[in-house]
Amino acid sequence: MKKYTGLICLFMLCCHVSAQAGDCEAIGARLNALASADQQIRQEWEILMQDAASTPRARDAVQQRWRAIDSANLKEVKTLIAACGWPADQAGSHSAWLLAQHADSDLAFQHRAKDLLEAAVKAGTAAARDLAYLADRIAANEGRPQEYGTQFTQTDRCHMTMLPVDDVQRANARRLAVGLPSLEAYEAEGRRRFMPADCRDGGDRS
């Protein structure tokens, strides 16, 4: 029986490689599905935050589901990228970026994703603006000033603050280079989108 072991192992390896190749062909669709779940729970949270009548119990319930989704997404995206590498198309790359952007519990993975995304940008298969967002996210997680000013913090429905940037003028120049609006326009849009009208029109804007 021993003389067949190598052939059996080779056959099993070939089957594994074939299955992995099939999985990698579908990586874009799977990443898109994970990204859709990521966005759906965040949109649900936005709606809840806009509602002045929302209860702490309702917010806690959404946050628990949010954490569970992010945890499951992180585990799967790490597995997919380890097996298949960074997606070679812009749609798949954008979904992978979104999942890495929200992987705040795993800074090492965010750094790895940033390196892969940077290579993809240079190859023309990923968007430079995605790299800008991820670079800022990592900087914020490490307590460093942002280069592009993409990250805000919102402690409650009426309080939104842009995290520190290294230099406003330089940040605006960098933003222009990657196709992002000015910091001033971006902040105004963030307040319009994430803060309820009663906060914007007469509430605290700090």
Protein backbone atom coordinates (compact mmCIF):
# COMPACT_ATOMS: atom_id res chain seq x y z
CA MET A 1 0.00 0.00 0.00
CA LYS A 2 2.86 2.38 0.69
CA LYS A 3 3.80 2.70 -2.97
CA TYR A 4 0.37 4.24 -3.68
CA THR A 5 0.59 6.84 -0.91
CA GLY A 6 2.35 9.41 -3.03
CA LEU A 7 -0.18 9.08 -5.84
CA ILE A 8 -3.09 9.34 -3.43
CA CYS A 9 -1.57 12.42 -1.80
CA LEU A 10 -0.89 13.94 -5.21
CA PHE A 11 -4.47 13.29 -6.26
CA MET A 12 -5.77 14.89 -3.06
CA LEU A 13 -3.47 17.88 -3.56
CA CYS A 14 -4.69 18.32 -7.13
CA CYS A 15 -8.29 18.22 -5.95
CA HIS A 16 -7.50 20.80 -3.26
CA VAL A 17 -5.77 23.12 -5.74
CA SER A 18 -8.66 22.76 -8.19
CA ALA A 19 -11.20 23.55 -5.48
CA GLN A 20 -9.14 26.53 -4.33
CA ALA A 21 -8.89 27.84 -7.89
CA GLY A 22 -12.66 27.63 -8.17
CA ASP A 23 -13.05 29.51 -4.91
CA CYS A 24 -10.65 32.20 -6.11
CA GLU A 25 -12.58 32.66 -9.33
CA ALA A 26 -15.60 33.55 -7.21
CA ILE A 27 -13.71 35.74 -4.73
CA GLY A 28 -15.17 38.96 -6.11
CA ALA A 29 -18.76 37.80 -5.67
CA ARG A 30 -18.07 36.58 -2.15
CA LEU A 31 -16.31 39.79 -1.14
CA ASN A 32 -19.22 41.79 -2.56
CA ALA A 33 -21.63 39.78 -0.42
CA LEU A 34 -19.55 40.43 2.71
CA ALA A 35 -19.32 44.12 1.85
CA SER A 36 -23.10 44.27 1.38
CA ALA A 37 -23.63 42.89 4.90
CA ASP A 38 -21.07 45.41 6.18
CA GLN A 39 -22.97 48.32 4.64
CA GLN A 40 -26.42 47.08 5.58
CA ILE A 41 -25.72 47.00 9.32
CA ARG A 42 -24.06 50.42 9.17
CA GLN A 43 -27.01 51.91 7.33
CA GLU A 44 -29.29 50.46 9.98
CA TRP A 45 -27.15 52.16 12.61
CA GLU A 46 -27.27 55.49 10.77
CA ILE A 47 -31.06 55.37 10.69
CA LEU A 48 -31.14 54.56 14.40
CA MET A 49 -28.76 57.41 15.24
CA GLN A 50 -30.93 59.85 13.30
CA ASP A 51 -33.96 58.84 15.41
CA ALA A 52 -34.12 60.88 18.59
CA ALA A 53 -36.62 58.36 20.00
CA SER A 54 -34.30 55.35 19.64
CA THR A 55 -33.69 53.52 22.90
CA PRO A 56 -30.40 52.32 24.42
CA ARG A 57 -31.73 48.77 24.16
CA ALA A 58 -32.32 49.13 20.43
CA ARG A 59 -28.86 50.65 19.92
CA ASP A 60 -27.20 47.90 21.93
CA ALA A 61 -28.96 45.24 19.87
CA VAL A 62 -27.72 46.75 16.60
CA GLN A 63 -24.19 47.15 17.96
CA GLN A 64 -24.11 43.49 18.99
CA ARG A 65 -25.10 42.40 15.48
CA TRP A 66 -22.62 44.91 14.04
CA ARG A 67 -19.76 43.38 16.06
CA ALA A 68 -20.78 39.87 15.06
CA ILE A 69 -20.91 40.78 11.35
CA ASP A 70 -17.54 42.56 11.46
CA SER A 71 -15.95 39.63 13.28
CA ALA A 72 -17.25 37.08 10.79
CA ASN A 73 -16.32 39.30 7.83
CA LEU A 74 -12.78 39.77 9.11
CA LYS A 75 -12.23 36.06 9.54
CA GLU A 76 -13.47 35.29 6.03
CA VAL A 77 -11.73 38.13 4.18
CA LYS A 78 -8.41 37.18 5.77
CA THR A 79 -8.90 33.59 4.63
CA LEU A 80 -9.85 34.65 1.10
CA ILE A 81 -6.93 37.03 0.66
CA ALA A 82 -4.46 34.55 2.14
CA ALA A 83 -5.62 31.93 -0.35
CA CYS A 84 -6.23 34.08 -3.42
CA GLY A 85 -4.36 37.33 -2.97
CA TRP A 86 -5.81 40.81 -3.48
CA PRO A 87 -8.61 40.94 -6.10
CA ALA A 88 -7.37 41.95 -9.54
CA ASP A 89 -10.51 43.89 -10.52
CA GLN A 90 -11.66 47.28 -9.22
CA ALA A 91 -15.02 46.05 -7.88
CA GLY A 92 -13.47 43.19 -5.95
CA SER A 93 -10.66 45.42 -4.73
CA HIS A 94 -13.16 47.99 -3.47
CA SER A 95 -15.05 45.34 -1.51
CA ALA A 96 -11.80 43.99 -0.04
CA TRP A 97 -10.78 47.53 0.88
CA LEU A 98 -14.10 48.19 2.61
CA LEU A 99 -13.72 45.08 4.75
CA ALA A 100 -10.11 45.95 5.60
CA GLN A 101 -11.16 49.52 6.38
CA HIS A 102 -13.49 48.20 9.06
CA ALA A 103 -11.08 45.59 10.47
CA ASP A 104 -10.05 47.86 13.34
CA SER A 105 -9.59 44.93 15.70
CA ASP A 106 -6.73 43.59 13.55
CA LEU A 107 -4.22 46.34 12.83
CA ALA A 108 -1.69 43.88 11.42
CA PHE A 109 -4.21 42.80 8.80
CA GLN A 110 -4.98 46.42 7.96
CA HIS A 111 -1.27 47.02 7.34
CA ARG A 112 -1.08 43.90 5.15
CA ALA A 113 -4.15 45.01 3.22
CA LYS A 114 -2.65 48.47 2.75
CA ASP A 115 0.51 46.98 1.22
CA LEU A 116 -1.54 44.83 -1.15
CA LEU A 117 -3.84 47.71 -2.02
CA GLU A 118 -0.89 49.99 -2.71
CA ALA A 119 0.51 47.45 -5.17
CA ALA A 120 -2.92 47.17 -6.81
CA VAL A 121 -3.15 50.96 -7.17
CA LYS A 122 0.25 51.00 -8.86
CA ALA A 123 -0.94 48.22 -11.18
CA GLY A 124 -4.05 50.22 -12.06
CA THR A 125 -6.51 47.69 -10.62
CA ALA A 126 -7.56 49.64 -7.52
CA ALA A 127 -8.64 53.17 -6.64
CA ALA A 128 -6.15 55.58 -5.07
CA ARG A 129 -8.93 57.08 -2.95
CA ASP A 130 -9.45 53.71 -1.26
CA LEU A 131 -5.77 53.67 -0.33
CA ALA A 132 -6.12 57.18 1.10
CA TYR A 133 -8.99 56.10 3.34
CA LEU A 134 -7.15 53.01 4.58
CA ALA A 135 -3.95 54.95 5.26
CA ASP A 136 -5.95 57.43 7.36
CA ARG A 137 -7.79 54.64 9.16
CA ILE A 138 -4.50 53.04 10.18
CA ALA A 139 -3.09 56.40 11.25
CA ALA A 140 -6.17 57.05 13.40
CA ASN A 141 -5.94 53.59 14.96
CA GLU A 142 -2.28 54.24 15.78
CA GLY A 143 -2.96 57.69 17.20
CA ARG A 144 -1.19 59.52 14.36
CA PRO A 145 -2.47 62.53 12.35
CA GLN A 146 -4.25 61.72 9.10
CA GLU A 147 -2.76 62.59 5.72
CA TYR A 148 -6.08 63.00 3.91
CA GLY A 149 -8.60 63.84 6.65
CA THR A 150 -11.08 61.08 5.82
CA GLN A 151 -11.86 59.94 9.37
CA PHE A 152 -14.40 61.42 11.77
CA THR A 153 -15.57 60.44 15.19
CA GLN A 154 -19.24 60.69 16.22
CA THR A 155 -19.91 60.20 19.92
CA ASP A 156 -23.65 60.77 19.64
CA ARG A 157 -26.25 61.97 17.14
CA CYS A 158 -25.27 65.65 17.47
CA HIS A 159 -21.48 65.50 17.90
CA MET A 160 -19.14 64.88 14.97
CA THR A 161 -15.45 65.82 14.85
CA MET A 162 -12.80 65.32 12.19
CA LEU A 163 -9.79 63.53 13.62
CA PRO A 164 -6.51 65.51 13.46
CA VAL A 165 -4.69 65.94 10.14
CA ASP A 166 -0.99 66.66 9.77
CA ASP A 167 -1.52 69.83 7.73
CA VAL A 168 -4.79 71.12 6.27
CA GLN A 169 -3.27 72.67 3.15
CA ARG A 170 -1.21 69.59 2.34
CA ALA A 171 -4.15 67.31 3.10
CA ASN A 172 -6.27 69.23 0.60
CA ALA A 173 -3.54 68.91 -2.03
CA ARG A 174 -3.33 65.15 -1.43
CA ARG A 175 -7.10 64.86 -1.61
CA LEU A 176 -7.18 66.67 -4.92
CA ALA A 177 -4.53 64.31 -6.29
CA VAL A 178 -6.69 61.23 -5.58
CA GLY A 179 -9.98 62.75 -6.66
CA LEU A 180 -11.45 63.64 -3.27
CA PRO A 181 -13.24 66.92 -2.47
CA SER A 182 -11.71 69.50 -0.15
CA LEU A 183 -11.71 68.92 3.60
CA GLU A 184 -14.27 71.69 4.00
CA ALA A 185 -16.67 70.19 1.47
CA TYR A 186 -16.13 66.70 2.88
CA GLU A 187 -16.86 67.81 6.43
CA ALA A 188 -20.00 69.63 5.33
CA GLU A 189 -21.19 66.51 3.49
CA GLY A 190 -20.44 64.35 6.55
CA ARG A 191 -22.54 66.58 8.76
CA ARG A 192 -25.36 66.58 6.22
CA ARG A 193 -25.34 62.81 5.94
CA PHE A 194 -24.71 61.67 9.50
CA MET A 195 -26.19 64.41 11.69
CA PRO A 196 -29.96 64.92 12.01
CA ALA A 197 -31.44 68.20 10.79
CA ASP A 198 -32.24 69.38 14.32
CA CYS A 199 -28.55 69.13 15.22
CA ARG A 200 -27.36 70.83 12.03
CA ASP A 201 -29.88 73.66 12.20
CA GLY A 202 -29.62 74.56 15.84
CA GLY A 203 -27.80 71.89 17.78
CA ASP A 204 -24.25 71.54 18.99
CA ARG A 205 -21.77 71.30 16.08
CA SER A 206 -18.63 70.54 18.06
